[in-house]
Amino acid sequence: MKKGDALDPKGLIYESYRIDGISASECRTIFLDWALSLPEGQDSRDAILRLIDRYGGDAPDHPMTQVMREGLEQMDRPRRRGGWRSRPRD
């Protein structure tokens, strides 16, 4: 486990696991910052899976582990395009 590598350039995920009493809300904020700082072209799904593998095994109930799992679930759900764009036009 290393701070500041290709998967976690700023060490955000690493540090989140070291904060006592961190909340799920705080983890979501950190996760968003992490996601926005990923290098262009990096597969975010793969990065999340690797981070869960790195940290989640030792801390399966940690809020960040849960947030990363939720992130994966959100990626797997199809997105509905609603509103006027989905309606037939005459």
PDB file of N, CA and C in Angstrom:
ATOM      1  N   MET A   1       0.848  -1.178   0.000  1.00  0.00           N
ATOM      2  CA  MET A   1       0.000   0.000   0.000  1.00  0.00           C
ATOM      3  C   MET A   1       0.887   1.233   0.000  1.00  0.00           C
ATOM      4  N   LYS A   2       0.624   2.028  -0.973  1.00  0.00           N
ATOM      5  CA  LYS A   2       1.531   3.137  -1.194  1.00  0.00           C
ATOM      6  C   LYS A   2       0.746   4.414  -1.474  1.00  0.00           C
ATOM      7  N   LYS A   3       1.179   5.486  -0.906  1.00  0.00           N
ATOM      8  CA  LYS A   3       0.535   6.771  -1.117  1.00  0.00           C
ATOM      9  C   LYS A   3       1.109   7.418  -2.380  1.00  0.00           C
ATOM     10  N   GLY A   4       0.220   7.923  -3.223  1.00  0.00           N
ATOM     11  CA  GLY A   4       0.648   8.682  -4.376  1.00  0.00           C
ATOM     12  C   GLY A   4       1.197   7.851  -5.515  1.00  0.00           C
ATOM     13  N   ASP A   5       0.456   6.837  -5.955  1.00  0.00           N
ATOM     14  CA  ASP A   5       0.875   6.061  -7.111  1.00  0.00           C
ATOM     15  C   ASP A   5      -0.079   6.325  -8.276  1.00  0.00           C
ATOM     16  N   ALA A   6       0.038   5.569  -9.348  1.00  0.00           N
ATOM     17  CA  ALA A   6      -0.765   5.807 -10.551  1.00  0.00           C
ATOM     18  C   ALA A   6      -2.266   5.656 -10.301  1.00  0.00           C
ATOM     19  N   LEU A   7      -2.654   4.770  -9.395  1.00  0.00           N
ATOM     20  CA  LEU A   7      -4.074   4.583  -9.098  1.00  0.00           C
ATOM     21  C   LEU A   7      -4.645   5.684  -8.214  1.00  0.00           C
ATOM     22  N   ASP A   8      -3.810   6.251  -7.411  1.00  0.00           N
ATOM     23  CA  ASP A   8      -4.248   7.247  -6.428  1.00  0.00           C
ATOM     24  C   ASP A   8      -3.197   8.354  -6.374  1.00  0.00           C
ATOM     25  N   PRO A   9      -3.105   9.152  -7.451  1.00  0.00           N
ATOM     26  CA  PRO A   9      -2.009  10.126  -7.574  1.00  0.00           C
ATOM     27  C   PRO A   9      -1.856  11.088  -6.394  1.00  0.00           C
ATOM     28  N   LYS A  10      -2.958  11.531  -5.822  1.00  0.00           N
ATOM     29  CA  LYS A  10      -2.897  12.470  -4.696  1.00  0.00           C
ATOM     30  C   LYS A  10      -2.902  11.766  -3.342  1.00  0.00           C
ATOM     31  N   GLY A  11      -3.055  10.458  -3.343  1.00  0.00           N
ATOM     32  CA  GLY A  11      -3.124   9.714  -2.093  1.00  0.00           C
ATOM     33  C   GLY A  11      -4.442   9.900  -1.366  1.00  0.00           C
ATOM     34  N   LEU A  12      -5.483  10.313  -2.062  1.00  0.00           N
ATOM     35  CA  LEU A  12      -6.768  10.599  -1.420  1.00  0.00           C
ATOM     36  C   LEU A  12      -7.419   9.356  -0.828  1.00  0.00           C
ATOM     37  N   ILE A  13      -7.446   8.284  -1.605  1.00  0.00           N
ATOM     38  CA  ILE A  13      -8.079   7.058  -1.127  1.00  0.00           C
ATOM     39  C   ILE A  13      -7.259   6.495   0.032  1.00  0.00           C
ATOM     40  N   TYR A  14      -5.961   6.490  -0.131  1.00  0.00           N
ATOM     41  CA  TYR A  14      -5.047   6.027   0.918  1.00  0.00           C
ATOM     42  C   TYR A  14      -5.327   6.756   2.231  1.00  0.00           C
ATOM     43  N   GLU A  15      -5.385   8.062   2.179  1.00  0.00           N
ATOM     44  CA  GLU A  15      -5.591   8.869   3.386  1.00  0.00           C
ATOM     45  C   GLU A  15      -6.982   8.657   3.987  1.00  0.00           C
ATOM     46  N   SER A  16      -7.990   8.447   3.144  1.00  0.00           N
ATOM     47  CA  SER A  16      -9.355   8.278   3.660  1.00  0.00           C
ATOM     48  C   SER A  16      -9.454   7.071   4.588  1.00  0.00           C
ATOM     49  N   TYR A  17      -8.679   6.038   4.300  1.00  0.00           N
ATOM     50  CA  TYR A  17      -8.700   4.849   5.150  1.00  0.00           C
ATOM     51  C   TYR A  17      -7.977   5.073   6.479  1.00  0.00           C
ATOM     52  N   ARG A  18      -7.279   6.151   6.599  1.00  0.00           N
ATOM     53  CA  ARG A  18      -6.537   6.429   7.831  1.00  0.00           C
ATOM     54  C   ARG A  18      -7.217   7.473   8.720  1.00  0.00           C
ATOM     55  N   ILE A  19      -8.335   7.991   8.285  1.00  0.00           N
ATOM     56  CA  ILE A  19      -9.062   8.992   9.064  1.00  0.00           C
ATOM     57  C   ILE A  19     -10.068   8.286   9.973  1.00  0.00           C
ATOM     58  N   ASP A  20      -9.856   8.376  11.267  1.00  0.00           N
ATOM     59  CA  ASP A  20     -10.773   7.758  12.230  1.00  0.00           C
ATOM     60  C   ASP A  20     -12.125   8.453  12.185  1.00  0.00           C
ATOM     61  N   GLY A  21     -13.180   7.663  12.146  1.00  0.00           N
ATOM     62  CA  GLY A  21     -14.528   8.195  12.210  1.00  0.00           C
ATOM     63  C   GLY A  21     -15.001   8.905  10.955  1.00  0.00           C
ATOM     64  N   ILE A  22     -14.356   8.676   9.833  1.00  0.00           N
ATOM     65  CA  ILE A  22     -14.774   9.327   8.588  1.00  0.00           C
ATOM     66  C   ILE A  22     -16.175   8.849   8.207  1.00  0.00           C
ATOM     67  N   SER A  23     -16.974   9.761   7.688  1.00  0.00           N
ATOM     68  CA  SER A  23     -18.350   9.424   7.333  1.00  0.00           C
ATOM     69  C   SER A  23     -18.451   9.054   5.853  1.00  0.00           C
ATOM     70  N   ALA A  24     -19.558   8.424   5.495  1.00  0.00           N
ATOM     71  CA  ALA A  24     -19.801   8.070   4.093  1.00  0.00           C
ATOM     72  C   ALA A  24     -19.886   9.330   3.238  1.00  0.00           C
ATOM     73  N   SER A  25     -20.470  10.375   3.772  1.00  0.00           N
ATOM     74  CA  SER A  25     -20.576  11.640   3.043  1.00  0.00           C
ATOM     75  C   SER A  25     -19.192  12.213   2.738  1.00  0.00           C
ATOM     76  N   GLU A  26     -18.314  12.182   3.725  1.00  0.00           N
ATOM     77  CA  GLU A  26     -16.951  12.664   3.512  1.00  0.00           C
ATOM     78  C   GLU A  26     -16.224  11.789   2.486  1.00  0.00           C
ATOM     79  N   CYS A  27     -16.476  10.476   2.547  1.00  0.00           N
ATOM     80  CA  CYS A  27     -15.860   9.563   1.581  1.00  0.00           C
ATOM     81  C   CYS A  27     -16.351   9.838   0.166  1.00  0.00           C
ATOM     82  N   ARG A  28     -17.629  10.167   0.009  1.00  0.00           N
ATOM     83  CA  ARG A  28     -18.155  10.500  -1.324  1.00  0.00           C
ATOM     84  C   ARG A  28     -17.454  11.732  -1.894  1.00  0.00           C
ATOM     85  N   THR A  29     -17.232  12.718  -1.053  1.00  0.00           N
ATOM     86  CA  THR A  29     -16.530  13.933  -1.486  1.00  0.00           C
ATOM     87  C   THR A  29     -15.104  13.608  -1.909  1.00  0.00           C
ATOM     88  N   ILE A  30     -14.424  12.813  -1.122  1.00  0.00           N
ATOM     89  CA  ILE A  30     -13.055  12.401  -1.445  1.00  0.00           C
ATOM     90  C   ILE A  30     -13.038  11.580  -2.727  1.00  0.00           C
ATOM     91  N   PHE A  31     -13.995  10.660  -2.857  1.00  0.00           N
ATOM     92  CA  PHE A  31     -14.083   9.809  -4.047  1.00  0.00           C
ATOM     93  C   PHE A  31     -14.286  10.656  -5.305  1.00  0.00           C
ATOM     94  N   LEU A  32     -15.144  11.651  -5.230  1.00  0.00           N
ATOM     95  CA  LEU A  32     -15.372  12.531  -6.375  1.00  0.00           C
ATOM     96  C   LEU A  32     -14.095  13.272  -6.741  1.00  0.00           C
ATOM     97  N   ASP A  33     -13.396  13.787  -5.763  1.00  0.00           N
ATOM     98  CA  ASP A  33     -12.118  14.471  -6.017  1.00  0.00           C
ATOM     99  C   ASP A  33     -11.131  13.507  -6.667  1.00  0.00           C
ATOM    100  N   TRP A  34     -11.084  12.274  -6.162  1.00  0.00           N
ATOM    101  CA  TRP A  34     -10.203  11.255  -6.737  1.00  0.00           C
ATOM    102  C   TRP A  34     -10.570  10.997  -8.199  1.00  0.00           C
ATOM    103  N   ALA A  35     -11.863  10.806  -8.454  1.00  0.00           N
ATOM    104  CA  ALA A  35     -12.316  10.498  -9.812  1.00  0.00           C
ATOM    105  C   ALA A  35     -11.987  11.633 -10.783  1.00  0.00           C
ATOM    106  N   LEU A  36     -12.141  12.861 -10.329  1.00  0.00           N
ATOM    107  CA  LEU A  36     -11.852  14.008 -11.191  1.00  0.00           C
ATOM    108  C   LEU A  36     -10.354  14.183 -11.439  1.00  0.00           C
ATOM    109  N   SER A  37      -9.522  13.596 -10.592  1.00  0.00           N
ATOM    110  CA  SER A  37      -8.076  13.761 -10.752  1.00  0.00           C
ATOM    111  C   SER A  37      -7.423  12.602 -11.510  1.00  0.00           C
ATOM    112  N   LEU A  38      -8.228  11.628 -11.943  1.00  0.00           N
ATOM    113  CA  LEU A  38      -7.660  10.525 -12.721  1.00  0.00           C
ATOM    114  C   LEU A  38      -7.112  11.052 -14.046  1.00  0.00           C
ATOM    115  N   PRO A  39      -5.997  10.508 -14.486  1.00  0.00           N
ATOM    116  CA  PRO A  39      -5.447  10.942 -15.770  1.00  0.00           C
ATOM    117  C   PRO A  39      -6.402  10.609 -16.915  1.00  0.00           C
ATOM    118  N   GLU A  40      -6.419  11.438 -17.915  1.00  0.00           N
ATOM    119  CA  GLU A  40      -7.273  11.210 -19.075  1.00  0.00           C
ATOM    120  C   GLU A  40      -6.911   9.872 -19.701  1.00  0.00           C
ATOM    121  N   GLY A  41      -7.932   9.120 -20.040  1.00  0.00           N
ATOM    122  CA  GLY A  41      -7.728   7.829 -20.677  1.00  0.00           C
ATOM    123  C   GLY A  41      -7.631   6.661 -19.721  1.00  0.00           C
ATOM    124  N   GLN A  42      -7.507   6.924 -18.432  1.00  0.00           N
ATOM    125  CA  GLN A  42      -7.440   5.824 -17.472  1.00  0.00           C
ATOM    126  C   GLN A  42      -8.824   5.233 -17.282  1.00  0.00           C
ATOM    127  N   ASP A  43      -8.914   3.930 -17.279  1.00  0.00           N
ATOM    128  CA  ASP A  43     -10.176   3.221 -17.085  1.00  0.00           C
ATOM    129  C   ASP A  43     -10.567   3.319 -15.610  1.00  0.00           C
ATOM    130  N   SER A  44     -11.586   4.118 -15.333  1.00  0.00           N
ATOM    131  CA  SER A  44     -11.966   4.351 -13.939  1.00  0.00           C
ATOM    132  C   SER A  44     -12.523   3.091 -13.287  1.00  0.00           C
ATOM    133  N   ARG A  45     -13.236   2.268 -14.053  1.00  0.00           N
ATOM    134  CA  ARG A  45     -13.781   1.026 -13.501  1.00  0.00           C
ATOM    135  C   ARG A  45     -12.646   0.122 -13.028  1.00  0.00           C
ATOM    136  N   ASP A  46     -11.635  -0.039 -13.858  1.00  0.00           N
ATOM    137  CA  ASP A  46     -10.483  -0.855 -13.499  1.00  0.00           C
ATOM    138  C   ASP A  46      -9.770  -0.275 -12.272  1.00  0.00           C
ATOM    139  N   ALA A  47      -9.626   1.031 -12.238  1.00  0.00           N
ATOM    140  CA  ALA A  47      -8.952   1.680 -11.110  1.00  0.00           C
ATOM    141  C   ALA A  47      -9.720   1.440  -9.806  1.00  0.00           C
ATOM    142  N   ILE A  48     -11.041   1.555  -9.863  1.00  0.00           N
ATOM    143  CA  ILE A  48     -11.852   1.325  -8.658  1.00  0.00           C
ATOM    144  C   ILE A  48     -11.714  -0.121  -8.197  1.00  0.00           C
ATOM    145  N   LEU A  49     -11.789  -1.058  -9.134  1.00  0.00           N
ATOM    146  CA  LEU A  49     -11.649  -2.469  -8.782  1.00  0.00           C
ATOM    147  C   LEU A  49     -10.299  -2.745  -8.121  1.00  0.00           C
ATOM    148  N   ARG A  50      -9.262  -2.161  -8.657  1.00  0.00           N
ATOM    149  CA  ARG A  50      -7.924  -2.372  -8.092  1.00  0.00           C
ATOM    150  C   ARG A  50      -7.791  -1.732  -6.706  1.00  0.00           C
ATOM    151  N   LEU A  51      -8.422  -0.566  -6.509  1.00  0.00           N
ATOM    152  CA  LEU A  51      -8.376   0.071  -5.191  1.00  0.00           C
ATOM    153  C   LEU A  51      -9.187  -0.715  -4.160  1.00  0.00           C
ATOM    154  N   ILE A  52     -10.320  -1.254  -4.584  1.00  0.00           N
ATOM    155  CA  ILE A  52     -11.102  -2.105  -3.671  1.00  0.00           C
ATOM    156  C   ILE A  52     -10.281  -3.330  -3.294  1.00  0.00           C
ATOM    157  N   ASP A  53      -9.591  -3.896  -4.282  1.00  0.00           N
ATOM    158  CA  ASP A  53      -8.738  -5.048  -4.010  1.00  0.00           C
ATOM    159  C   ASP A  53      -7.612  -4.682  -3.041  1.00  0.00           C
ATOM    160  N   ARG A  54      -7.069  -3.497  -3.212  1.00  0.00           N
ATOM    161  CA  ARG A  54      -5.950  -3.042  -2.381  1.00  0.00           C
ATOM    162  C   ARG A  54      -6.377  -2.774  -0.942  1.00  0.00           C
ATOM    163  N   TYR A  55      -7.491  -2.069  -0.746  1.00  0.00           N
ATOM    164  CA  TYR A  55      -7.892  -1.619   0.589  1.00  0.00           C
ATOM    165  C   TYR A  55      -9.106  -2.347   1.168  1.00  0.00           C
ATOM    166  N   GLY A  56     -10.016  -2.771   0.317  1.00  0.00           N
ATOM    167  CA  GLY A  56     -11.289  -3.314   0.777  1.00  0.00           C
ATOM    168  C   GLY A  56     -11.192  -4.615   1.549  1.00  0.00           C
ATOM    169  N   GLY A  57     -10.200  -5.437   1.224  1.00  0.00           N
ATOM    170  CA  GLY A  57     -10.052  -6.709   1.929  1.00  0.00           C
ATOM    171  C   GLY A  57      -9.758  -6.531   3.406  1.00  0.00           C
ATOM    172  N   ASP A  58      -8.958  -5.535   3.724  1.00  0.00           N
ATOM    173  CA  ASP A  58      -8.612  -5.263   5.117  1.00  0.00           C
ATOM    174  C   ASP A  58      -9.669  -4.420   5.828  1.00  0.00           C
ATOM    175  N   ALA A  59     -10.508  -3.751   5.046  1.00  0.00           N
ATOM    176  CA  ALA A  59     -11.523  -2.857   5.632  1.00  0.00           C
ATOM    177  C   ALA A  59     -12.841  -2.951   4.859  1.00  0.00           C
ATOM    178  N   PRO A  60     -13.468  -4.132   4.867  1.00  0.00           N
ATOM    179  CA  PRO A  60     -14.688  -4.304   4.068  1.00  0.00           C
ATOM    180  C   PRO A  60     -15.867  -3.436   4.524  1.00  0.00           C
ATOM    181  N   ASP A  61     -15.867  -3.026   5.784  1.00  0.00           N
ATOM    182  CA  ASP A  61     -16.969  -2.214   6.309  1.00  0.00           C
ATOM    183  C   ASP A  61     -16.651  -0.726   6.355  1.00  0.00           C
ATOM    184  N   HIS A  62     -15.494  -0.346   5.848  1.00  0.00           N
ATOM    185  CA  HIS A  62     -15.101   1.065   5.849  1.00  0.00           C
ATOM    186  C   HIS A  62     -16.008   1.838   4.877  1.00  0.00           C
ATOM    187  N   PRO A  63     -16.399   3.065   5.234  1.00  0.00           N
ATOM    188  CA  PRO A  63     -17.263   3.848   4.343  1.00  0.00           C
ATOM    189  C   PRO A  63     -16.680   4.038   2.936  1.00  0.00           C
ATOM    190  N   MET A  64     -15.361   4.154   2.804  1.00  0.00           N
ATOM    191  CA  MET A  64     -14.784   4.339   1.466  1.00  0.00           C
ATOM    192  C   MET A  64     -14.942   3.077   0.624  1.00  0.00           C
ATOM    193  N   THR A  65     -14.827   1.916   1.245  1.00  0.00           N
ATOM    194  CA  THR A  65     -15.048   0.669   0.512  1.00  0.00           C
ATOM    195  C   THR A  65     -16.473   0.642  -0.016  1.00  0.00           C
ATOM    196  N   GLN A  66     -17.420   1.038   0.823  1.00  0.00           N
ATOM    197  CA  GLN A  66     -18.822   1.070   0.409  1.00  0.00           C
ATOM    198  C   GLN A  66     -19.047   2.081  -0.717  1.00  0.00           C
ATOM    199  N   VAL A  67     -18.440   3.238  -0.612  1.00  0.00           N
ATOM    200  CA  VAL A  67     -18.586   4.281  -1.629  1.00  0.00           C
ATOM    201  C   VAL A  67     -18.017   3.794  -2.968  1.00  0.00           C
ATOM    202  N   MET A  68     -16.873   3.137  -2.932  1.00  0.00           N
ATOM    203  CA  MET A  68     -16.290   2.637  -4.184  1.00  0.00           C
ATOM    204  C   MET A  68     -17.167   1.546  -4.795  1.00  0.00           C
ATOM    205  N   ARG A  69     -17.735   0.688  -3.958  1.00  0.00           N
ATOM    206  CA  ARG A  69     -18.657  -0.337  -4.481  1.00  0.00           C
ATOM    207  C   ARG A  69     -19.894   0.309  -5.097  1.00  0.00           C
ATOM    208  N   GLU A  70     -20.415   1.342  -4.452  1.00  0.00           N
ATOM    209  CA  GLU A  70     -21.555   2.073  -5.004  1.00  0.00           C
ATOM    210  C   GLU A  70     -21.184   2.696  -6.352  1.00  0.00           C
ATOM    211  N   GLY A  71     -19.958   3.206  -6.447  1.00  0.00           N
ATOM    212  CA  GLY A  71     -19.489   3.777  -7.707  1.00  0.00           C
ATOM    213  C   GLY A  71     -19.503   2.761  -8.829  1.00  0.00           C
ATOM    214  N   LEU A  72     -19.079   1.543  -8.522  1.00  0.00           N
ATOM    215  CA  LEU A  72     -19.112   0.475  -9.528  1.00  0.00           C
ATOM    216  C   LEU A  72     -20.538   0.146  -9.939  1.00  0.00           C
ATOM    217  N   GLU A  73     -21.436   0.086  -8.959  1.00  0.00           N
ATOM    218  CA  GLU A  73     -22.838  -0.209  -9.256  1.00  0.00           C
ATOM    219  C   GLU A  73     -23.437   0.865 -10.164  1.00  0.00           C
ATOM    220  N   GLN A  74     -23.120   2.114  -9.896  1.00  0.00           N
ATOM    221  CA  GLN A  74     -23.629   3.211 -10.714  1.00  0.00           C
ATOM    222  C   GLN A  74     -23.129   3.092 -12.156  1.00  0.00           C
ATOM    223  N   MET A  75     -21.896   2.630 -12.320  1.00  0.00           N
ATOM    224  CA  MET A  75     -21.331   2.475 -13.661  1.00  0.00           C
ATOM    225  C   MET A  75     -22.037   1.362 -14.432  1.00  0.00           C
ATOM    226  N   ASP A  76     -22.505   0.336 -13.711  1.00  0.00           N
ATOM    227  CA  ASP A  76     -23.130  -0.815 -14.348  1.00  0.00           C
ATOM    228  C   ASP A  76     -24.589  -0.580 -14.723  1.00  0.00           C
ATOM    229  N   ARG A  77     -25.223   0.386 -14.094  1.00  0.00           N
ATOM    230  CA  ARG A  77     -26.642   0.659 -14.374  1.00  0.00           C
ATOM    231  C   ARG A  77     -26.788   1.418 -15.683  1.00  0.00           C
ATOM    232  N   PRO A  78     -27.729   0.958 -16.518  1.00  0.00           N
ATOM    233  CA  PRO A  78     -27.972   1.729 -17.743  1.00  0.00           C
ATOM    234  C   PRO A  78     -28.596   3.075 -17.408  1.00  0.00           C
ATOM    235  N   ARG A  79     -28.219   4.070 -18.152  1.00  0.00           N
ATOM    236  CA  ARG A  79     -28.754   5.412 -17.917  1.00  0.00           C
ATOM    237  C   ARG A  79     -29.942   5.651 -18.824  1.00  0.00           C
ATOM    238  N   ARG A  80     -30.966   6.175 -18.246  1.00  0.00           N
ATOM    239  CA  ARG A  80     -32.182   6.477 -18.991  1.00  0.00           C
ATOM    240  C   ARG A  80     -32.091   7.901 -19.490  1.00  0.00           C
ATOM    241  N   ARG A  81     -32.341   8.062 -20.741  1.00  0.00           N
ATOM    242  CA  ARG A  81     -32.417   9.404 -21.291  1.00  0.00           C
ATOM    243  C   ARG A  81     -33.892   9.760 -21.364  1.00  0.00           C
ATOM    244  N   GLY A  82     -34.293  10.666 -20.555  1.00  0.00           N
ATOM    245  CA  GLY A  82     -35.692  11.049 -20.496  1.00  0.00           C
ATOM    246  C   GLY A  82     -35.909  12.442 -21.027  1.00  0.00           C
ATOM    247  N   GLY A  83     -37.087  12.944 -20.752  1.00  0.00           N
ATOM    248  CA  GLY A  83     -37.396  14.301 -21.165  1.00  0.00           C
ATOM    249  C   GLY A  83     -37.719  14.400 -22.643  1.00  0.00           C
ATOM    250  N   TRP A  84     -37.576  15.572 -23.158  1.00  0.00           N
ATOM    251  CA  TRP A  84     -37.999  15.833 -24.534  1.00  0.00           C
ATOM    252  C   TRP A  84     -37.151  15.082 -25.559  1.00  0.00           C
ATOM    253  N   ARG A  85     -35.936  14.736 -25.255  1.00  0.00           N
ATOM    254  CA  ARG A  85     -35.070  14.040 -26.221  1.00  0.00           C
ATOM    255  C   ARG A  85     -35.545  12.620 -26.506  1.00  0.00           C
ATOM    256  N   SER A  86     -36.226  12.004 -25.554  1.00  0.00           N
ATOM    257  CA  SER A  86     -36.655  10.626 -25.749  1.00  0.00           C
ATOM    258  C   SER A  86     -38.037  10.524 -26.397  1.00  0.00           C
ATOM    259  N   ARG A  87     -38.716  11.634 -26.539  1.00  0.00           N
ATOM    260  CA  ARG A  87     -40.061  11.610 -27.130  1.00  0.00           C
ATOM    261  C   ARG A  87     -39.992  11.654 -28.651  1.00  0.00           C
ATOM    262  N   PRO A  88     -40.917  10.917 -29.287  1.00  0.00           N
ATOM    263  CA  PRO A  88     -40.946  10.951 -30.767  1.00  0.00           C
ATOM    264  C   PRO A  88     -41.279  12.355 -31.272  1.00  0.00           C
ATOM    265  N   ARG A  89     -40.680  12.708 -32.370  1.00  0.00           N
ATOM    266  CA  ARG A  89     -40.934  14.017 -32.961  1.00  0.00           C
ATOM    267  C   ARG A  89     -41.735  13.854 -34.248  1.00  0.00           C
ATOM    268  N   ASP A  90     -42.617  14.792 -34.497  1.00  0.00           N
ATOM    269  CA  ASP A  90     -43.444  14.743 -35.721  1.00  0.00           C
ATOM    270  C   ASP A  90     -42.826  15.563 -36.825  1.00  0.00           C
TER     271      ASP A  90
END
